[in-house]
């Protein structure tokens, strides 16, 4: 029951065809492919760049001259 047989995939394709139409499905597939390629490219670039050490800068309190009484 948990597996998809070829008849299940056929039903999914027919429903997608009915919902989106024959002209829209290639556009959707193209957009999906471009998105996956962009994701893979950014993952490769992200792994290639070294992780920069984050340095936290703390604000030093400014020294104010003592008020003359």
Foldseek 3Di string as FASTA:
>chain_A
DPDDDPVNVVVVVVVCCVVQNPVCVVVVVVVVVVVVVVVVVVVVVVVPDDDDDDDDDDDDDDDDDDDDD
